[in-house]
Amino acid sequence: MIAFPNKFVSLETERLLLKEISMQDLDFLFEIRNNEDNNRYIGRKKSSLEQVQQFITDRIEDFKAKRGIVWMIYDKESQQNIGSVCYWNFNSEAISAEIGYELASEFQGKGFMQEALSKVIDFGFNELNLQTIEAFTDEKNTASIKALEKFHFIQNTAFESDEVESLIMFTLTSTQL
């Protein structure tokens, strides 16, 4: 059984603080959701300020309804918001969830996402009691694929997407650790 928390749990690593999404993240999320580099592999269209506000409201409601958890990633040193990581698409029968993540382009390649993913994956298996974590990425997104492979995610070759031809699926099970 998935042990979804009743109260939001912030996480901390050596260089990062992972905090609950809030309206304070509006400017950052507006910028990242309208950045061509960040949207390149996920097919996301540019967002209006109102759409980003609604996105934040929906993610806060998802947590209250036990449908999702979004952590905003902050650099401890600068206190700057640099990205996000989340669990969503929870499946009670499979005891699984999908992980998603993004990092502002100027912070990529510095190990921040590896640090955040390490903490969030650990939380998923040890606090949420997940048995499987799934991730989807574009086959051309080599940085994302490398990040998943570093954590021993395995490509699910049986997965086929009806929507996006280039989408590939990776899974990590608690027994793989």
N, C-alpha and C. Protein backbone atom coordinates (compact mmCIF):
# COMPACT_ATOMS: atom_id res chain seq x y z
N MET A 1 0.83 -1.18 0.00
CA MET A 1 0.00 0.00 0.00
C MET A 1 0.88 1.26 0.00
N ILE A 2 0.51 2.22 -0.81
CA ILE A 2 1.27 3.48 -0.88
C ILE A 2 1.00 4.28 0.38
N ALA A 3 2.07 4.75 1.01
CA ALA A 3 1.99 5.52 2.25
C ALA A 3 2.08 7.02 1.93
N PHE A 4 1.03 7.55 1.30
CA PHE A 4 1.03 8.96 0.92
C PHE A 4 1.00 9.82 2.19
N PRO A 5 1.89 10.81 2.29
CA PRO A 5 1.94 11.61 3.53
C PRO A 5 0.72 12.51 3.69
N ASN A 6 0.31 12.72 4.93
CA ASN A 6 -0.80 13.63 5.22
C ASN A 6 -0.33 15.09 5.22
N LYS A 7 0.94 15.28 5.54
CA LYS A 7 1.54 16.61 5.57
C LYS A 7 2.72 16.61 4.60
N PHE A 8 2.89 17.72 3.89
CA PHE A 8 3.98 17.80 2.92
C PHE A 8 5.33 17.65 3.62
N VAL A 9 6.21 16.86 3.01
CA VAL A 9 7.55 16.61 3.57
C VAL A 9 8.58 17.31 2.67
N SER A 10 9.23 18.33 3.21
CA SER A 10 10.33 18.97 2.50
C SER A 10 11.55 18.07 2.62
N LEU A 11 12.42 18.13 1.63
CA LEU A 11 13.63 17.31 1.62
C LEU A 11 14.85 18.22 1.50
N GLU A 12 15.99 17.71 1.95
CA GLU A 12 17.21 18.49 1.91
C GLU A 12 18.37 17.60 1.51
N THR A 13 19.25 18.14 0.68
CA THR A 13 20.48 17.47 0.31
C THR A 13 21.64 18.40 0.67
N GLU A 14 22.82 18.02 0.28
CA GLU A 14 23.98 18.86 0.59
C GLU A 14 23.84 20.27 0.02
N ARG A 15 23.36 20.38 -1.22
CA ARG A 15 23.29 21.69 -1.88
C ARG A 15 21.88 22.19 -2.13
N LEU A 16 20.87 21.36 -1.87
CA LEU A 16 19.52 21.68 -2.30
C LEU A 16 18.49 21.62 -1.19
N LEU A 17 17.45 22.43 -1.35
CA LEU A 17 16.23 22.33 -0.55
C LEU A 17 15.11 22.00 -1.52
N LEU A 18 14.30 21.00 -1.19
CA LEU A 18 13.16 20.61 -2.01
C LEU A 18 11.91 20.94 -1.21
N LYS A 19 11.17 21.96 -1.68
CA LYS A 19 10.04 22.49 -0.93
C LYS A 19 8.73 22.36 -1.72
N GLU A 20 7.65 22.45 -1.00
CA GLU A 20 6.32 22.36 -1.60
C GLU A 20 6.09 23.49 -2.60
N ILE A 21 5.45 23.16 -3.71
CA ILE A 21 5.10 24.16 -4.71
C ILE A 21 4.12 25.16 -4.10
N SER A 22 4.28 26.43 -4.47
CA SER A 22 3.37 27.47 -3.97
C SER A 22 3.33 28.61 -4.98
N MET A 23 2.46 29.56 -4.74
CA MET A 23 2.35 30.71 -5.63
C MET A 23 3.64 31.53 -5.65
N GLN A 24 4.50 31.35 -4.67
CA GLN A 24 5.80 32.04 -4.69
C GLN A 24 6.66 31.56 -5.86
N ASP A 25 6.31 30.41 -6.42
CA ASP A 25 7.05 29.84 -7.55
C ASP A 25 6.53 30.32 -8.91
N LEU A 26 5.56 31.20 -8.90
CA LEU A 26 4.89 31.63 -10.12
C LEU A 26 5.86 32.18 -11.17
N ASP A 27 6.68 33.14 -10.80
CA ASP A 27 7.59 33.75 -11.77
C ASP A 27 8.56 32.73 -12.36
N PHE A 28 9.13 31.90 -11.49
CA PHE A 28 10.06 30.88 -11.96
C PHE A 28 9.37 29.91 -12.91
N LEU A 29 8.20 29.41 -12.52
CA LEU A 29 7.49 28.45 -13.36
C LEU A 29 7.03 29.07 -14.67
N PHE A 30 6.63 30.33 -14.62
CA PHE A 30 6.26 31.02 -15.87
C PHE A 30 7.45 31.04 -16.81
N GLU A 31 8.62 31.38 -16.26
CA GLU A 31 9.83 31.46 -17.08
C GLU A 31 10.22 30.08 -17.63
N ILE A 32 10.23 29.06 -16.80
CA ILE A 32 10.68 27.74 -17.24
C ILE A 32 9.68 27.10 -18.21
N ARG A 33 8.39 27.35 -18.01
CA ARG A 33 7.37 26.77 -18.88
C ARG A 33 7.29 27.48 -20.23
N ASN A 34 7.97 28.61 -20.33
CA ASN A 34 8.01 29.34 -21.59
C ASN A 34 9.42 29.35 -22.21
N ASN A 35 10.28 28.51 -21.68
CA ASN A 35 11.64 28.41 -22.17
C ASN A 35 11.72 27.29 -23.22
N GLU A 36 12.16 27.65 -24.40
CA GLU A 36 12.24 26.69 -25.51
C GLU A 36 13.11 25.48 -25.18
N ASP A 37 14.24 25.71 -24.51
CA ASP A 37 15.13 24.60 -24.15
C ASP A 37 14.43 23.60 -23.24
N ASN A 38 13.66 24.11 -22.28
CA ASN A 38 12.98 23.22 -21.35
C ASN A 38 11.79 22.50 -21.98
N ASN A 39 11.21 23.08 -22.99
CA ASN A 39 10.04 22.49 -23.63
C ASN A 39 10.38 21.57 -24.80
N ARG A 40 11.61 21.59 -25.23
CA ARG A 40 12.03 20.89 -26.45
C ARG A 40 11.62 19.43 -26.48
N TYR A 41 11.83 18.70 -25.42
CA TYR A 41 11.59 17.26 -25.43
C TYR A 41 10.25 16.84 -24.85
N ILE A 42 9.49 17.78 -24.32
CA ILE A 42 8.23 17.37 -23.69
C ILE A 42 6.99 17.85 -24.42
N GLY A 43 7.17 18.58 -25.49
CA GLY A 43 6.02 18.99 -26.29
C GLY A 43 5.08 19.94 -25.59
N ARG A 44 5.57 20.63 -24.58
CA ARG A 44 4.73 21.57 -23.84
C ARG A 44 4.65 22.89 -24.58
N LYS A 45 3.47 23.43 -24.68
CA LYS A 45 3.27 24.73 -25.31
C LYS A 45 3.52 25.82 -24.28
N LYS A 46 3.83 27.01 -24.78
CA LYS A 46 4.04 28.15 -23.89
C LYS A 46 2.78 28.39 -23.06
N SER A 47 2.98 28.91 -21.85
CA SER A 47 1.88 29.10 -20.91
C SER A 47 1.69 30.58 -20.59
N SER A 48 0.45 30.98 -20.42
CA SER A 48 0.15 32.33 -19.94
C SER A 48 0.35 32.34 -18.42
N LEU A 49 0.42 33.53 -17.85
CA LEU A 49 0.55 33.67 -16.40
C LEU A 49 -0.64 33.01 -15.70
N GLU A 50 -1.83 33.17 -16.27
CA GLU A 50 -3.03 32.56 -15.68
C GLU A 50 -2.95 31.03 -15.73
N GLN A 51 -2.42 30.49 -16.81
CA GLN A 51 -2.27 29.03 -16.91
C GLN A 51 -1.28 28.49 -15.89
N VAL A 52 -0.21 29.24 -15.64
CA VAL A 52 0.77 28.81 -14.64
C VAL A 52 0.16 28.91 -13.24
N GLN A 53 -0.61 29.94 -12.99
CA GLN A 53 -1.31 30.05 -11.69
C GLN A 53 -2.22 28.84 -11.49
N GLN A 54 -2.96 28.48 -12.53
CA GLN A 54 -3.85 27.33 -12.45
C GLN A 54 -3.06 26.04 -12.26
N PHE A 55 -1.92 25.92 -12.93
CA PHE A 55 -1.04 24.76 -12.77
C PHE A 55 -0.63 24.61 -11.30
N ILE A 56 -0.22 25.70 -10.68
CA ILE A 56 0.19 25.66 -9.27
C ILE A 56 -0.99 25.26 -8.39
N THR A 57 -2.13 25.89 -8.61
CA THR A 57 -3.34 25.56 -7.84
C THR A 57 -3.69 24.08 -7.99
N ASP A 58 -3.62 23.56 -9.20
CA ASP A 58 -3.93 22.15 -9.46
C ASP A 58 -2.95 21.22 -8.74
N ARG A 59 -1.66 21.58 -8.73
CA ARG A 59 -0.66 20.72 -8.07
C ARG A 59 -0.84 20.74 -6.55
N ILE A 60 -1.23 21.87 -6.00
CA ILE A 60 -1.51 21.95 -4.56
C ILE A 60 -2.72 21.07 -4.24
N GLU A 61 -3.74 21.14 -5.07
CA GLU A 61 -4.93 20.30 -4.89
C GLU A 61 -4.61 18.82 -5.07
N ASP A 62 -3.72 18.50 -6.01
CA ASP A 62 -3.30 17.11 -6.21
C ASP A 62 -2.71 16.53 -4.93
N PHE A 63 -1.90 17.33 -4.24
CA PHE A 63 -1.31 16.83 -2.98
C PHE A 63 -2.41 16.59 -1.95
N LYS A 64 -3.32 17.54 -1.80
CA LYS A 64 -4.41 17.39 -0.82
C LYS A 64 -5.25 16.16 -1.11
N ALA A 65 -5.44 15.85 -2.41
CA ALA A 65 -6.25 14.70 -2.82
C ALA A 65 -5.42 13.41 -2.95
N LYS A 66 -4.14 13.49 -2.57
CA LYS A 66 -3.23 12.34 -2.62
C LYS A 66 -3.04 11.79 -4.04
N ARG A 67 -2.97 12.74 -4.99
CA ARG A 67 -2.75 12.38 -6.40
C ARG A 67 -1.36 12.73 -6.90
N GLY A 68 -0.64 13.55 -6.16
CA GLY A 68 0.68 13.96 -6.62
C GLY A 68 1.44 14.74 -5.58
N ILE A 69 2.76 14.75 -5.75
CA ILE A 69 3.66 15.50 -4.87
C ILE A 69 4.65 16.24 -5.77
N VAL A 70 4.71 17.56 -5.62
CA VAL A 70 5.65 18.36 -6.39
C VAL A 70 6.59 19.08 -5.42
N TRP A 71 7.88 18.84 -5.63
CA TRP A 71 8.89 19.57 -4.89
C TRP A 71 9.53 20.60 -5.82
N MET A 72 9.63 21.82 -5.38
CA MET A 72 10.40 22.83 -6.10
C MET A 72 11.83 22.74 -5.56
N ILE A 73 12.78 22.78 -6.46
CA ILE A 73 14.18 22.61 -6.10
C ILE A 73 14.84 23.99 -5.96
N TYR A 74 15.41 24.22 -4.79
CA TYR A 74 16.11 25.48 -4.53
C TYR A 74 17.58 25.21 -4.24
N ASP A 75 18.45 26.05 -4.79
CA ASP A 75 19.87 26.01 -4.47
C ASP A 75 20.03 26.65 -3.10
N LYS A 76 20.60 25.90 -2.15
CA LYS A 76 20.77 26.42 -0.78
C LYS A 76 21.59 27.69 -0.74
N GLU A 77 22.68 27.70 -1.49
CA GLU A 77 23.60 28.83 -1.43
C GLU A 77 22.96 30.13 -1.90
N SER A 78 22.32 30.10 -3.05
CA SER A 78 21.74 31.32 -3.63
C SER A 78 20.28 31.53 -3.25
N GLN A 79 19.64 30.48 -2.69
CA GLN A 79 18.20 30.50 -2.39
C GLN A 79 17.36 30.64 -3.65
N GLN A 80 17.96 30.35 -4.81
CA GLN A 80 17.29 30.48 -6.09
C GLN A 80 16.55 29.19 -6.46
N ASN A 81 15.36 29.36 -7.01
CA ASN A 81 14.59 28.24 -7.52
C ASN A 81 15.25 27.78 -8.82
N ILE A 82 15.56 26.48 -8.93
CA ILE A 82 16.26 26.00 -10.12
C ILE A 82 15.53 24.90 -10.88
N GLY A 83 14.46 24.34 -10.30
CA GLY A 83 13.75 23.28 -11.00
C GLY A 83 12.66 22.66 -10.15
N SER A 84 12.21 21.49 -10.59
CA SER A 84 11.18 20.77 -9.85
C SER A 84 11.32 19.27 -10.09
N VAL A 85 10.76 18.51 -9.18
CA VAL A 85 10.70 17.06 -9.31
C VAL A 85 9.39 16.63 -8.67
N CYS A 86 8.75 15.61 -9.25
CA CYS A 86 7.43 15.25 -8.74
C CYS A 86 7.17 13.75 -8.86
N TYR A 87 6.19 13.30 -8.09
CA TYR A 87 5.57 12.00 -8.26
C TYR A 87 4.11 12.25 -8.63
N TRP A 88 3.62 11.49 -9.60
CA TRP A 88 2.23 11.60 -10.00
C TRP A 88 1.83 10.28 -10.67
N ASN A 89 0.62 10.20 -11.16
CA ASN A 89 0.10 8.95 -11.74
C ASN A 89 0.31 7.77 -10.79
N PHE A 90 -0.07 7.97 -9.55
CA PHE A 90 0.03 6.89 -8.56
C PHE A 90 -0.89 5.75 -8.96
N ASN A 91 -0.42 4.54 -8.78
CA ASN A 91 -1.20 3.33 -9.08
C ASN A 91 -1.18 2.45 -7.83
N SER A 92 -2.31 2.42 -7.13
CA SER A 92 -2.41 1.66 -5.87
C SER A 92 -2.23 0.17 -6.08
N GLU A 93 -2.74 -0.35 -7.18
CA GLU A 93 -2.62 -1.79 -7.44
C GLU A 93 -1.18 -2.20 -7.70
N ALA A 94 -0.48 -1.44 -8.50
CA ALA A 94 0.92 -1.77 -8.83
C ALA A 94 1.89 -1.19 -7.79
N ILE A 95 1.37 -0.40 -6.87
CA ILE A 95 2.18 0.31 -5.87
C ILE A 95 3.31 1.06 -6.59
N SER A 96 2.90 1.88 -7.54
CA SER A 96 3.87 2.59 -8.37
C SER A 96 3.45 4.05 -8.54
N ALA A 97 4.40 4.82 -9.04
CA ALA A 97 4.15 6.22 -9.40
C ALA A 97 5.12 6.60 -10.50
N GLU A 98 4.76 7.66 -11.20
CA GLU A 98 5.63 8.20 -12.23
C GLU A 98 6.41 9.36 -11.64
N ILE A 99 7.68 9.44 -11.98
CA ILE A 99 8.51 10.55 -11.55
C ILE A 99 8.71 11.49 -12.73
N GLY A 100 8.70 12.77 -12.46
CA GLY A 100 8.94 13.77 -13.48
C GLY A 100 9.88 14.82 -12.92
N TYR A 101 10.62 15.47 -13.79
CA TYR A 101 11.60 16.45 -13.30
C TYR A 101 11.99 17.40 -14.41
N GLU A 102 12.40 18.59 -14.02
CA GLU A 102 12.96 19.54 -14.97
C GLU A 102 13.84 20.51 -14.20
N LEU A 103 14.82 21.02 -14.91
CA LEU A 103 15.80 21.92 -14.33
C LEU A 103 16.00 23.08 -15.30
N ALA A 104 16.04 24.29 -14.77
CA ALA A 104 16.31 25.44 -15.62
C ALA A 104 17.63 25.21 -16.36
N SER A 105 17.67 25.57 -17.61
CA SER A 105 18.80 25.23 -18.47
C SER A 105 20.14 25.72 -17.92
N GLU A 106 20.17 26.85 -17.25
CA GLU A 106 21.45 27.36 -16.74
C GLU A 106 22.01 26.55 -15.57
N PHE A 107 21.20 25.64 -15.02
CA PHE A 107 21.66 24.81 -13.90
C PHE A 107 21.90 23.35 -14.31
N GLN A 108 21.69 23.05 -15.57
CA GLN A 108 21.89 21.68 -16.05
C GLN A 108 23.38 21.37 -16.16
N GLY A 109 23.71 20.10 -16.00
CA GLY A 109 25.09 19.66 -16.14
C GLY A 109 25.96 19.92 -14.92
N LYS A 110 25.35 20.24 -13.79
CA LYS A 110 26.10 20.55 -12.57
C LYS A 110 25.82 19.56 -11.44
N GLY A 111 25.09 18.49 -11.77
CA GLY A 111 24.80 17.46 -10.78
C GLY A 111 23.63 17.74 -9.87
N PHE A 112 22.95 18.87 -10.08
CA PHE A 112 21.81 19.21 -9.22
C PHE A 112 20.68 18.19 -9.33
N MET A 113 20.35 17.79 -10.56
CA MET A 113 19.24 16.86 -10.72
C MET A 113 19.59 15.50 -10.15
N GLN A 114 20.82 15.06 -10.31
CA GLN A 114 21.23 13.78 -9.71
C GLN A 114 21.03 13.82 -8.20
N GLU A 115 21.40 14.93 -7.59
CA GLU A 115 21.26 15.10 -6.15
C GLU A 115 19.79 15.07 -5.73
N ALA A 116 18.95 15.79 -6.47
CA ALA A 116 17.52 15.84 -6.16
C ALA A 116 16.88 14.47 -6.39
N LEU A 117 17.18 13.84 -7.51
CA LEU A 117 16.59 12.53 -7.81
C LEU A 117 16.98 11.49 -6.77
N SER A 118 18.21 11.52 -6.32
CA SER A 118 18.65 10.56 -5.31
C SER A 118 17.76 10.64 -4.07
N LYS A 119 17.50 11.84 -3.63
CA LYS A 119 16.68 12.05 -2.42
C LYS A 119 15.22 11.66 -2.67
N VAL A 120 14.69 12.03 -3.83
CA VAL A 120 13.28 11.78 -4.14
C VAL A 120 13.04 10.28 -4.40
N ILE A 121 13.96 9.62 -5.06
CA ILE A 121 13.84 8.16 -5.27
C ILE A 121 13.87 7.44 -3.93
N ASP A 122 14.80 7.83 -3.07
CA ASP A 122 14.87 7.25 -1.72
C ASP A 122 13.55 7.47 -0.98
N PHE A 123 13.00 8.66 -1.07
CA PHE A 123 11.71 8.97 -0.43
C PHE A 123 10.61 8.07 -1.01
N GLY A 124 10.62 7.89 -2.31
CA GLY A 124 9.59 7.07 -2.95
C GLY A 124 9.59 5.63 -2.45
N PHE A 125 10.76 5.04 -2.36
CA PHE A 125 10.83 3.65 -1.92
C PHE A 125 10.70 3.50 -0.40
N ASN A 126 11.32 4.40 0.36
CA ASN A 126 11.38 4.22 1.80
C ASN A 126 10.29 4.92 2.60
N GLU A 127 9.68 5.95 2.04
CA GLU A 127 8.61 6.66 2.76
C GLU A 127 7.24 6.40 2.14
N LEU A 128 7.17 6.42 0.80
CA LEU A 128 5.89 6.17 0.13
C LEU A 128 5.62 4.67 -0.04
N ASN A 129 6.65 3.86 0.17
CA ASN A 129 6.56 2.40 0.01
C ASN A 129 6.27 1.97 -1.42
N LEU A 130 6.75 2.76 -2.39
CA LEU A 130 6.56 2.38 -3.78
C LEU A 130 7.34 1.10 -4.09
N GLN A 131 6.79 0.30 -4.98
CA GLN A 131 7.49 -0.88 -5.47
C GLN A 131 8.17 -0.59 -6.80
N THR A 132 7.57 0.33 -7.57
CA THR A 132 8.09 0.68 -8.89
C THR A 132 7.96 2.18 -9.13
N ILE A 133 9.00 2.75 -9.72
CA ILE A 133 8.97 4.15 -10.16
C ILE A 133 9.13 4.13 -11.67
N GLU A 134 8.24 4.81 -12.36
CA GLU A 134 8.28 4.89 -13.81
C GLU A 134 8.70 6.28 -14.24
N ALA A 135 9.38 6.35 -15.37
CA ALA A 135 9.78 7.64 -15.94
C ALA A 135 9.62 7.56 -17.45
N PHE A 136 9.20 8.65 -18.04
CA PHE A 136 9.03 8.73 -19.49
C PHE A 136 9.87 9.89 -20.00
N THR A 137 10.55 9.68 -21.10
CA THR A 137 11.36 10.74 -21.70
C THR A 137 11.41 10.56 -23.21
N ASP A 138 11.79 11.60 -23.88
CA ASP A 138 11.97 11.53 -25.33
C ASP A 138 13.26 10.78 -25.62
N GLU A 139 13.23 9.96 -26.65
CA GLU A 139 14.41 9.16 -26.99
C GLU A 139 15.62 10.02 -27.37
N LYS A 140 15.40 11.28 -27.70
CA LYS A 140 16.50 12.18 -28.04
C LYS A 140 17.04 12.95 -26.83
N ASN A 141 16.38 12.82 -25.71
CA ASN A 141 16.78 13.56 -24.50
C ASN A 141 17.87 12.76 -23.77
N THR A 142 19.07 12.83 -24.30
CA THR A 142 20.17 12.01 -23.77
C THR A 142 20.50 12.36 -22.32
N ALA A 143 20.37 13.62 -21.92
CA ALA A 143 20.67 13.99 -20.54
C ALA A 143 19.70 13.31 -19.58
N SER A 144 18.43 13.27 -19.93
CA SER A 144 17.44 12.61 -19.08
C SER A 144 17.68 11.11 -19.04
N ILE A 145 17.98 10.52 -20.18
CA ILE A 145 18.24 9.08 -20.23
C ILE A 145 19.45 8.73 -19.38
N LYS A 146 20.51 9.52 -19.47
CA LYS A 146 21.71 9.28 -18.65
C LYS A 146 21.39 9.40 -17.17
N ALA A 147 20.58 10.40 -16.81
CA ALA A 147 20.20 10.57 -15.40
C ALA A 147 19.47 9.33 -14.89
N LEU A 148 18.53 8.82 -15.68
CA LEU A 148 17.78 7.64 -15.27
C LEU A 148 18.69 6.41 -15.18
N GLU A 149 19.56 6.26 -16.14
CA GLU A 149 20.46 5.10 -16.14
C GLU A 149 21.43 5.13 -14.97
N LYS A 150 21.82 6.30 -14.51
CA LYS A 150 22.70 6.40 -13.33
C LYS A 150 22.03 5.82 -12.09
N PHE A 151 20.70 5.87 -12.06
CA PHE A 151 19.95 5.31 -10.94
C PHE A 151 19.44 3.90 -11.23
N HIS A 152 19.94 3.30 -12.30
CA HIS A 152 19.64 1.92 -12.69
C HIS A 152 18.21 1.71 -13.19
N PHE A 153 17.58 2.79 -13.66
CA PHE A 153 16.31 2.62 -14.35
C PHE A 153 16.58 1.79 -15.59
N ILE A 154 15.64 0.93 -15.95
CA ILE A 154 15.77 0.06 -17.11
C ILE A 154 14.70 0.44 -18.13
N GLN A 155 15.12 0.55 -19.39
CA GLN A 155 14.16 0.88 -20.42
C GLN A 155 13.18 -0.26 -20.61
N ASN A 156 11.90 0.08 -20.63
CA ASN A 156 10.83 -0.88 -20.85
C ASN A 156 10.59 -0.96 -22.36
N THR A 157 11.16 -1.93 -23.00
CA THR A 157 11.07 -2.02 -24.46
C THR A 157 9.68 -2.44 -24.94
N ALA A 158 8.84 -2.94 -24.05
CA ALA A 158 7.49 -3.35 -24.43
C ALA A 158 6.54 -2.15 -24.50
N PHE A 159 6.96 -1.02 -23.94
CA PHE A 159 6.12 0.18 -23.92
C PHE A 159 5.99 0.78 -25.31
N GLU A 160 4.77 1.10 -25.68
CA GLU A 160 4.51 1.81 -26.93
C GLU A 160 3.54 2.93 -26.63
N SER A 161 3.84 4.11 -27.14
CA SER A 161 2.99 5.28 -26.92
C SER A 161 2.10 5.51 -28.14
N ASP A 162 0.82 5.68 -27.89
CA ASP A 162 -0.11 6.02 -28.96
C ASP A 162 -0.01 7.49 -29.32
N GLU A 163 0.47 8.29 -28.39
CA GLU A 163 0.48 9.74 -28.57
C GLU A 163 1.79 10.27 -29.15
N VAL A 164 2.89 9.88 -28.55
CA VAL A 164 4.18 10.43 -28.94
C VAL A 164 5.10 9.30 -29.37
N GLU A 165 5.47 9.33 -30.64
CA GLU A 165 6.29 8.26 -31.21
C GLU A 165 7.64 8.12 -30.53
N SER A 166 8.24 9.23 -30.14
CA SER A 166 9.60 9.20 -29.62
C SER A 166 9.68 9.04 -28.10
N LEU A 167 8.56 8.79 -27.44
CA LEU A 167 8.54 8.65 -25.99
C LEU A 167 8.97 7.25 -25.59
N ILE A 168 9.91 7.19 -24.63
CA ILE A 168 10.35 5.89 -24.12
C ILE A 168 10.12 5.84 -22.61
N MET A 169 9.94 4.64 -22.11
CA MET A 169 9.61 4.43 -20.70
C MET A 169 10.76 3.72 -20.00
N PHE A 170 11.02 4.14 -18.77
CA PHE A 170 12.02 3.49 -17.91
C PHE A 170 11.33 3.12 -16.60
N THR A 171 11.79 2.04 -16.00
CA THR A 171 11.25 1.64 -14.69
C THR A 171 12.41 1.31 -13.74
N LEU A 172 12.14 1.54 -12.48
CA LEU A 172 13.05 1.19 -11.41
C LEU A 172 12.20 0.52 -10.34
N THR A 173 12.58 -0.68 -9.95
CA THR A 173 11.84 -1.37 -8.89
C THR A 173 12.66 -1.38 -7.63
N SER A 174 11.97 -1.51 -6.52
CA SER A 174 12.66 -1.52 -5.22
C SER A 174 13.65 -2.68 -5.13
N THR A 175 13.41 -3.75 -5.86
CA THR A 175 14.32 -4.91 -5.82
C THR A 175 15.59 -4.66 -6.63
N GLN A 176 15.62 -3.60 -7.46
CA GLN A 176 16.80 -3.30 -8.26
C GLN A 176 17.86 -2.57 -7.45
N LEU A 177 17.49 -2.06 -6.29
CA LEU A 177 18.43 -1.25 -5.49
C LEU A 177 19.39 -2.10 -4.71
